[in-house]
PDB file of all heavy atoms in Angstrom:
ATOM      1  N   ILE A   1      -8.579   4.944   4.564  1.00  0.00           N
ATOM      2  CA  ILE A   1      -9.656   4.719   5.539  1.00  0.00           C
ATOM      3  C   ILE A   1     -10.041   3.240   5.573  1.00  0.00           C
ATOM      4  O   ILE A   1     -10.223   2.650   6.639  1.00  0.00           O
ATOM      5  CB  ILE A   1     -10.886   5.595   5.213  1.00  0.00           C
ATOM      6  CG1 ILE A   1     -10.522   7.076   5.377  1.00  0.00           C
ATOM      7  CG2 ILE A   1     -12.058   5.249   6.129  1.00  0.00           C
ATOM      8  CD1 ILE A   1     -11.524   8.034   4.760  1.00  0.00           C
ATOM      9  N   ASP A   2     -10.142   2.636   4.395  1.00  0.00           N
ATOM     10  CA  ASP A   2     -10.486   1.207   4.321  1.00  0.00           C
ATOM     11  C   ASP A   2      -9.442   0.352   5.036  1.00  0.00           C
ATOM     12  O   ASP A   2      -9.783  -0.636   5.700  1.00  0.00           O
ATOM     13  CB  ASP A   2     -10.596   0.766   2.857  1.00  0.00           C
ATOM     14  CG  ASP A   2     -11.851   1.305   2.178  1.00  0.00           C
ATOM     15  OD1 ASP A   2     -12.744   1.794   2.894  1.00  0.00           O
ATOM     16  OD2 ASP A   2     -11.916   1.246   0.932  1.00  0.00           O
ATOM     17  N   GLU A   3      -8.153   0.717   4.889  1.00  0.00           N
ATOM     18  CA  GLU A   3      -7.074  -0.044   5.522  1.00  0.00           C
ATOM     19  C   GLU A   3      -7.160   0.061   7.049  1.00  0.00           C
ATOM     20  O   GLU A   3      -7.031  -0.946   7.756  1.00  0.00           O
ATOM     21  CB  GLU A   3      -5.717   0.465   5.032  1.00  0.00           C
ATOM     22  CG  GLU A   3      -4.515  -0.290   5.601  1.00  0.00           C
ATOM     23  CD  GLU A   3      -4.483  -1.771   5.233  1.00  0.00           C
ATOM     24  OE1 GLU A   3      -5.061  -2.142   4.190  1.00  0.00           O
ATOM     25  OE2 GLU A   3      -3.894  -2.544   6.016  1.00  0.00           O
ATOM     26  N   VAL A   4      -7.385   1.282   7.558  1.00  0.00           N
ATOM     27  CA  VAL A   4      -7.523   1.467   9.007  1.00  0.00           C
ATOM     28  C   VAL A   4      -8.763   0.735   9.524  1.00  0.00           C
ATOM     29  O   VAL A   4      -8.729   0.092  10.583  1.00  0.00           O
ATOM     30  CB  VAL A   4      -7.597   2.971   9.362  1.00  0.00           C
ATOM     31  CG1 VAL A   4      -7.837   3.161  10.860  1.00  0.00           C
ATOM     32  CG2 VAL A   4      -6.305   3.681   8.960  1.00  0.00           C
ATOM     33  N   TYR A   5      -9.848   0.800   8.759  1.00  0.00           N
ATOM     34  CA  TYR A   5     -11.089   0.115   9.139  1.00  0.00           C
ATOM     35  C   TYR A   5     -10.878  -1.398   9.216  1.00  0.00           C
ATOM     36  O   TYR A   5     -11.332  -2.066  10.152  1.00  0.00           O
ATOM     37  CB  TYR A   5     -12.186   0.440   8.134  1.00  0.00           C
ATOM     38  CG  TYR A   5     -13.488  -0.285   8.386  1.00  0.00           C
ATOM     39  CD1 TYR A   5     -14.355   0.130   9.405  1.00  0.00           C
ATOM     40  CD2 TYR A   5     -13.860  -1.383   7.614  1.00  0.00           C
ATOM     41  CE1 TYR A   5     -15.552  -0.538   9.635  1.00  0.00           C
ATOM     42  CE2 TYR A   5     -15.048  -2.051   7.841  1.00  0.00           C
ATOM     43  CZ  TYR A   5     -15.897  -1.626   8.858  1.00  0.00           C
ATOM     44  OH  TYR A   5     -17.065  -2.300   9.095  1.00  0.00           O
ATOM     45  N   LYS A   6     -10.150  -1.911   8.232  1.00  0.00           N
ATOM     46  CA  LYS A   6      -9.871  -3.353   8.190  1.00  0.00           C
ATOM     47  C   LYS A   6      -9.093  -3.791   9.429  1.00  0.00           C
ATOM     48  O   LYS A   6      -9.387  -4.822  10.040  1.00  0.00           O
ATOM     49  CB  LYS A   6      -9.084  -3.682   6.918  1.00  0.00           C
ATOM     50  CG  LYS A   6      -8.765  -5.157   6.736  1.00  0.00           C
ATOM     51  CD  LYS A   6      -7.960  -5.372   5.453  1.00  0.00           C
ATOM     52  CE  LYS A   6      -7.531  -6.819   5.305  1.00  0.00           C
ATOM     53  NZ  LYS A   6      -6.684  -7.016   4.093  1.00  0.00           N
ATOM     54  N   ILE A   7      -8.093  -2.989   9.818  1.00  0.00           N
ATOM     55  CA  ILE A   7      -7.283  -3.302  11.002  1.00  0.00           C
ATOM     56  C   ILE A   7      -8.139  -3.256  12.265  1.00  0.00           C
ATOM     57  O   ILE A   7      -8.107  -4.169  13.092  1.00  0.00           O
ATOM     58  CB  ILE A   7      -6.099  -2.315  11.121  1.00  0.00           C
ATOM     59  CG1 ILE A   7      -5.084  -2.568  10.000  1.00  0.00           C
ATOM     60  CG2 ILE A   7      -5.408  -2.443  12.486  1.00  0.00           C
ATOM     61  CD1 ILE A   7      -4.049  -1.475   9.856  1.00  0.00           C
ATOM     62  N   CYS A   8      -8.930  -2.186  12.402  1.00  0.00           N
ATOM     63  CA  CYS A   8      -9.721  -1.992  13.620  1.00  0.00           C
ATOM     64  C   CYS A   8     -10.893  -2.961  13.718  1.00  0.00           C
ATOM     65  O   CYS A   8     -11.473  -3.135  14.787  1.00  0.00           O
ATOM     66  CB  CYS A   8     -10.223  -0.547  13.698  1.00  0.00           C
ATOM     67  SG  CYS A   8      -8.901   0.640  14.007  1.00  0.00           S
ATOM     68  N   ASN A   9     -11.244  -3.570  12.600  1.00  0.00           N
ATOM     69  CA  ASN A   9     -12.367  -4.514  12.610  1.00  0.00           C
ATOM     70  C   ASN A   9     -11.907  -5.954  12.840  1.00  0.00           C
ATOM     71  O   ASN A   9     -12.719  -6.875  12.873  1.00  0.00           O
ATOM     72  CB  ASN A   9     -13.142  -4.425  11.286  1.00  0.00           C
ATOM     73  CG  ASN A   9     -14.628  -4.641  11.490  1.00  0.00           C
ATOM     74  OD1 ASN A   9     -15.180  -4.232  12.516  1.00  0.00           O
ATOM     75  ND2 ASN A   9     -15.276  -5.267  10.542  1.00  0.00           N
ATOM     76  N   ASN A  10     -10.577  -6.124  12.985  1.00  0.00           N
ATOM     77  CA  ASN A  10     -10.018  -7.440  13.300  1.00  0.00           C
ATOM     78  C   ASN A  10      -9.665  -7.449  14.785  1.00  0.00           C
ATOM     79  O   ASN A  10      -8.813  -6.680  15.227  1.00  0.00           O
ATOM     80  CB  ASN A  10      -8.779  -7.681  12.434  1.00  0.00           C
ATOM     81  CG  ASN A  10      -8.120  -9.022  12.704  1.00  0.00           C
ATOM     82  OD1 ASN A  10      -7.762  -9.338  13.829  1.00  0.00           O
ATOM     83  ND2 ASN A  10      -7.934  -9.800  11.650  1.00  0.00           N
ATOM     84  N   ARG A  11     -10.298  -8.292  15.558  1.00  0.00           N
ATOM     85  CA  ARG A  11     -10.165  -8.248  17.015  1.00  0.00           C
ATOM     86  C   ARG A  11      -8.721  -8.397  17.473  1.00  0.00           C
ATOM     87  O   ARG A  11      -8.231  -7.647  18.320  1.00  0.00           O
ATOM     88  CB  ARG A  11     -11.033  -9.341  17.658  1.00  0.00           C
ATOM     89  CG  ARG A  11     -10.990  -9.345  19.183  1.00  0.00           C
ATOM     90  CD  ARG A  11     -11.958 -10.365  19.762  1.00  0.00           C
ATOM     91  NE  ARG A  11     -11.771 -10.456  21.205  1.00  0.00           N
ATOM     92  CZ  ARG A  11     -10.876 -11.244  21.802  1.00  0.00           C
ATOM     93  NH1 ARG A  11     -10.071 -12.001  21.067  1.00  0.00           N
ATOM     94  NH2 ARG A  11     -10.772 -11.266  23.113  1.00  0.00           N
ATOM     95  N   LEU A  12      -7.991  -9.352  16.907  1.00  0.00           N
ATOM     96  CA  LEU A  12      -6.607  -9.600  17.332  1.00  0.00           C
ATOM     97  C   LEU A  12      -5.696  -8.431  16.954  1.00  0.00           C
ATOM     98  O   LEU A  12      -4.807  -8.048  17.717  1.00  0.00           O
ATOM     99  CB  LEU A  12      -6.092 -10.902  16.712  1.00  0.00           C
ATOM    100  CG  LEU A  12      -6.763 -12.178  17.219  1.00  0.00           C
ATOM    101  CD1 LEU A  12      -6.214 -13.399  16.481  1.00  0.00           C
ATOM    102  CD2 LEU A  12      -6.554 -12.351  18.721  1.00  0.00           C
ATOM    103  N   GLN A  13      -5.919  -7.864  15.772  1.00  0.00           N
ATOM    104  CA  GLN A  13      -5.116  -6.714  15.357  1.00  0.00           C
ATOM    105  C   GLN A  13      -5.437  -5.497  16.218  1.00  0.00           C
ATOM    106  O   GLN A  13      -4.550  -4.727  16.591  1.00  0.00           O
ATOM    107  CB  GLN A  13      -5.360  -6.415  13.877  1.00  0.00           C
ATOM    108  CG  GLN A  13      -4.784  -7.475  12.951  1.00  0.00           C
ATOM    109  CD  GLN A  13      -4.932  -7.128  11.482  1.00  0.00           C
ATOM    110  OE1 GLN A  13      -5.640  -6.198  11.114  1.00  0.00           O
ATOM    111  NE2 GLN A  13      -4.268  -7.896  10.639  1.00  0.00           N
ATOM    112  N   LEU A  14      -6.707  -5.328  16.553  1.00  0.00           N
ATOM    113  CA  LEU A  14      -7.124  -4.203  17.386  1.00  0.00           C
ATOM    114  C   LEU A  14      -6.487  -4.283  18.777  1.00  0.00           C
ATOM    115  O   LEU A  14      -6.035  -3.275  19.325  1.00  0.00           O
ATOM    116  CB  LEU A  14      -8.647  -4.165  17.509  1.00  0.00           C
ATOM    117  CG  LEU A  14      -9.245  -3.022  18.343  1.00  0.00           C
ATOM    118  CD1 LEU A  14      -8.791  -1.669  17.805  1.00  0.00           C
ATOM    119  CD2 LEU A  14     -10.770  -3.106  18.359  1.00  0.00           C
ATOM    120  N   ILE A  15      -6.414  -5.490  19.331  1.00  0.00           N
ATOM    121  CA  ILE A  15      -5.770  -5.681  20.639  1.00  0.00           C
ATOM    122  C   ILE A  15      -4.315  -5.217  20.580  1.00  0.00           C
ATOM    123  O   ILE A  15      -3.811  -4.566  21.491  1.00  0.00           O
ATOM    124  CB  ILE A  15      -5.858  -7.167  21.075  1.00  0.00           C
ATOM    125  CG1 ILE A  15      -7.300  -7.503  21.486  1.00  0.00           C
ATOM    126  CG2 ILE A  15      -4.898  -7.461  22.233  1.00  0.00           C
ATOM    127  CD1 ILE A  15      -7.545  -8.984  21.710  1.00  0.00           C
ATOM    128  N   ARG A  16      -3.629  -5.546  19.485  1.00  0.00           N
ATOM    129  CA  ARG A  16      -2.220  -5.136  19.338  1.00  0.00           C
ATOM    130  C   ARG A  16      -2.089  -3.619  19.155  1.00  0.00           C
ATOM    131  O   ARG A  16      -1.167  -3.005  19.686  1.00  0.00           O
ATOM    132  CB  ARG A  16      -1.585  -5.884  18.165  1.00  0.00           C
ATOM    133  CG  ARG A  16      -1.209  -7.320  18.524  1.00  0.00           C
ATOM    134  CD  ARG A  16      -0.722  -8.106  17.331  1.00  0.00           C
ATOM    135  NE  ARG A  16       0.023  -9.280  17.746  1.00  0.00           N
ATOM    136  CZ  ARG A  16      -0.518 -10.392  18.235  1.00  0.00           C
ATOM    137  NH1 ARG A  16      -1.844 -10.457  18.360  1.00  0.00           N
ATOM    138  NH2 ARG A  16       0.234 -11.413  18.613  1.00  0.00           N
ATOM    139  N   ILE A  17      -3.007  -3.024  18.413  1.00  0.00           N
ATOM    140  CA  ILE A  17      -2.996  -1.566  18.237  1.00  0.00           C
ATOM    141  C   ILE A  17      -3.154  -0.881  19.594  1.00  0.00           C
ATOM    142  O   ILE A  17      -2.432   0.066  19.926  1.00  0.00           O
ATOM    143  CB  ILE A  17      -4.126  -1.127  17.277  1.00  0.00           C
ATOM    144  CG1 ILE A  17      -3.797  -1.535  15.836  1.00  0.00           C
ATOM    145  CG2 ILE A  17      -4.375   0.372  17.370  1.00  0.00           C
ATOM    146  CD1 ILE A  17      -2.636  -0.789  15.213  1.00  0.00           C
ATOM    147  N   LEU A  18      -4.091  -1.367  20.394  1.00  0.00           N
ATOM    148  CA  LEU A  18      -4.321  -0.771  21.716  1.00  0.00           C
ATOM    149  C   LEU A  18      -3.126  -0.990  22.635  1.00  0.00           C
ATOM    150  O   LEU A  18      -2.754  -0.107  23.410  1.00  0.00           O
ATOM    151  CB  LEU A  18      -5.597  -1.359  22.345  1.00  0.00           C
ATOM    152  CG  LEU A  18      -6.903  -0.996  21.626  1.00  0.00           C
ATOM    153  CD1 LEU A  18      -8.080  -1.743  22.243  1.00  0.00           C
ATOM    154  CD2 LEU A  18      -7.154   0.504  21.695  1.00  0.00           C
ATOM    155  N   ALA A  19      -2.504  -2.168  22.537  1.00  0.00           N
ATOM    156  CA  ALA A  19      -1.315  -2.458  23.356  1.00  0.00           C
ATOM    157  C   ALA A  19      -0.183  -1.499  22.994  1.00  0.00           C
ATOM    158  O   ALA A  19       0.515  -0.974  23.874  1.00  0.00           O
ATOM    159  CB  ALA A  19      -0.869  -3.906  23.144  1.00  0.00           C
ATOM    160  N   LEU A  20      -0.004  -1.250  21.701  1.00  0.00           N
ATOM    161  CA  LEU A  20       1.046  -0.327  21.245  1.00  0.00           C
ATOM    162  C   LEU A  20       0.746   1.108  21.683  1.00  0.00           C
ATOM    163  O   LEU A  20       1.639   1.835  22.127  1.00  0.00           O
ATOM    164  CB  LEU A  20       1.172  -0.385  19.728  1.00  0.00           C
ATOM    165  CG  LEU A  20       2.092  -1.474  19.178  1.00  0.00           C
ATOM    166  CD1 LEU A  20       1.915  -1.597  17.673  1.00  0.00           C
ATOM    167  CD2 LEU A  20       3.542  -1.165  19.508  1.00  0.00           C
ATOM    168  N   ALA A  21      -0.520   1.512  21.548  1.00  0.00           N
ATOM    169  CA  ALA A  21      -0.900   2.870  21.935  1.00  0.00           C
ATOM    170  C   ALA A  21      -0.660   3.082  23.430  1.00  0.00           C
ATOM    171  O   ALA A  21      -0.135   4.122  23.848  1.00  0.00           O
ATOM    172  CB  ALA A  21      -2.364   3.123  21.587  1.00  0.00           C
ATOM    173  N   LYS A  22      -1.028   2.102  24.239  1.00  0.00           N
ATOM    174  CA  LYS A  22      -0.816   2.214  25.693  1.00  0.00           C
ATOM    175  C   LYS A  22       0.673   2.203  26.026  1.00  0.00           C
ATOM    176  O   LYS A  22       1.123   2.909  26.931  1.00  0.00           O
ATOM    177  CB  LYS A  22      -1.539   1.075  26.404  1.00  0.00           C
ATOM    178  CG  LYS A  22      -3.060   1.223  26.392  1.00  0.00           C
ATOM    179  CD  LYS A  22      -3.741   0.031  27.044  1.00  0.00           C
ATOM    180  CE  LYS A  22      -5.259   0.191  27.011  1.00  0.00           C
ATOM    181  NZ  LYS A  22      -5.960  -0.993  27.577  1.00  0.00           N
ATOM    182  N   SER A  23       1.442   1.393  25.313  1.00  0.00           N
ATOM    183  CA  SER A  23       2.885   1.335  25.527  1.00  0.00           C
ATOM    184  C   SER A  23       3.521   2.690  25.241  1.00  0.00           C
ATOM    185  O   SER A  23       4.402   3.156  25.978  1.00  0.00           O
ATOM    186  CB  SER A  23       3.510   0.267  24.624  1.00  0.00           C
ATOM    187  OG  SER A  23       4.909   0.361  24.612  1.00  0.00           O
ATOM    188  N   ALA A  24       3.060   3.364  24.172  1.00  0.00           N
ATOM    189  CA  ALA A  24       3.599   4.681  23.814  1.00  0.00           C
ATOM    190  C   ALA A  24       3.298   5.711  24.897  1.00  0.00           C
ATOM    191  O   ALA A  24       4.136   6.551  25.230  1.00  0.00           O
ATOM    192  CB  ALA A  24       3.022   5.128  22.472  1.00  0.00           C
ATOM    193  N   ILE A  25       2.101   5.646  25.467  1.00  0.00           N
ATOM    194  CA  ILE A  25       1.726   6.589  26.526  1.00  0.00           C
ATOM    195  C   ILE A  25       2.567   6.349  27.781  1.00  0.00           C
ATOM    196  O   ILE A  25       3.037   7.287  28.431  1.00  0.00           O
ATOM    197  CB  ILE A  25       0.218   6.464  26.839  1.00  0.00           C
ATOM    198  CG1 ILE A  25      -0.603   6.975  25.640  1.00  0.00           C
ATOM    199  CG2 ILE A  25      -0.146   7.249  28.104  1.00  0.00           C
ATOM    200  CD1 ILE A  25      -2.068   6.625  25.696  1.00  0.00           C
ATOM    201  N   ARG A  26       2.788   5.072  28.126  1.00  0.00           N
ATOM    202  CA  ARG A  26       3.560   4.734  29.340  1.00  0.00           C
ATOM    203  C   ARG A  26       5.037   5.082  29.190  1.00  0.00           C
ATOM    204  O   ARG A  26       5.699   5.438  30.151  1.00  0.00           O
ATOM    205  CB  ARG A  26       3.437   3.227  29.646  1.00  0.00           C
ATOM    206  CG  ARG A  26       2.096   2.807  30.214  1.00  0.00           C
ATOM    207  CD  ARG A  26       2.198   1.404  30.803  1.00  0.00           C
ATOM    208  NE  ARG A  26       2.657   0.427  29.831  1.00  0.00           N
ATOM    209  CZ  ARG A  26       1.849  -0.311  29.075  1.00  0.00           C
ATOM    210  NH1 ARG A  26       0.545  -0.166  29.178  1.00  0.00           N
ATOM    211  NH2 ARG A  26       2.340  -1.177  28.216  1.00  0.00           N
TER     212      ARG A  26
END
């Protein structure tokens, strides 16, 4: 949980996570 929180609390990393999630859906 701490690792996921750390990623999601970093703006640049969060942008990449969202980009990957959207890419997977498309």
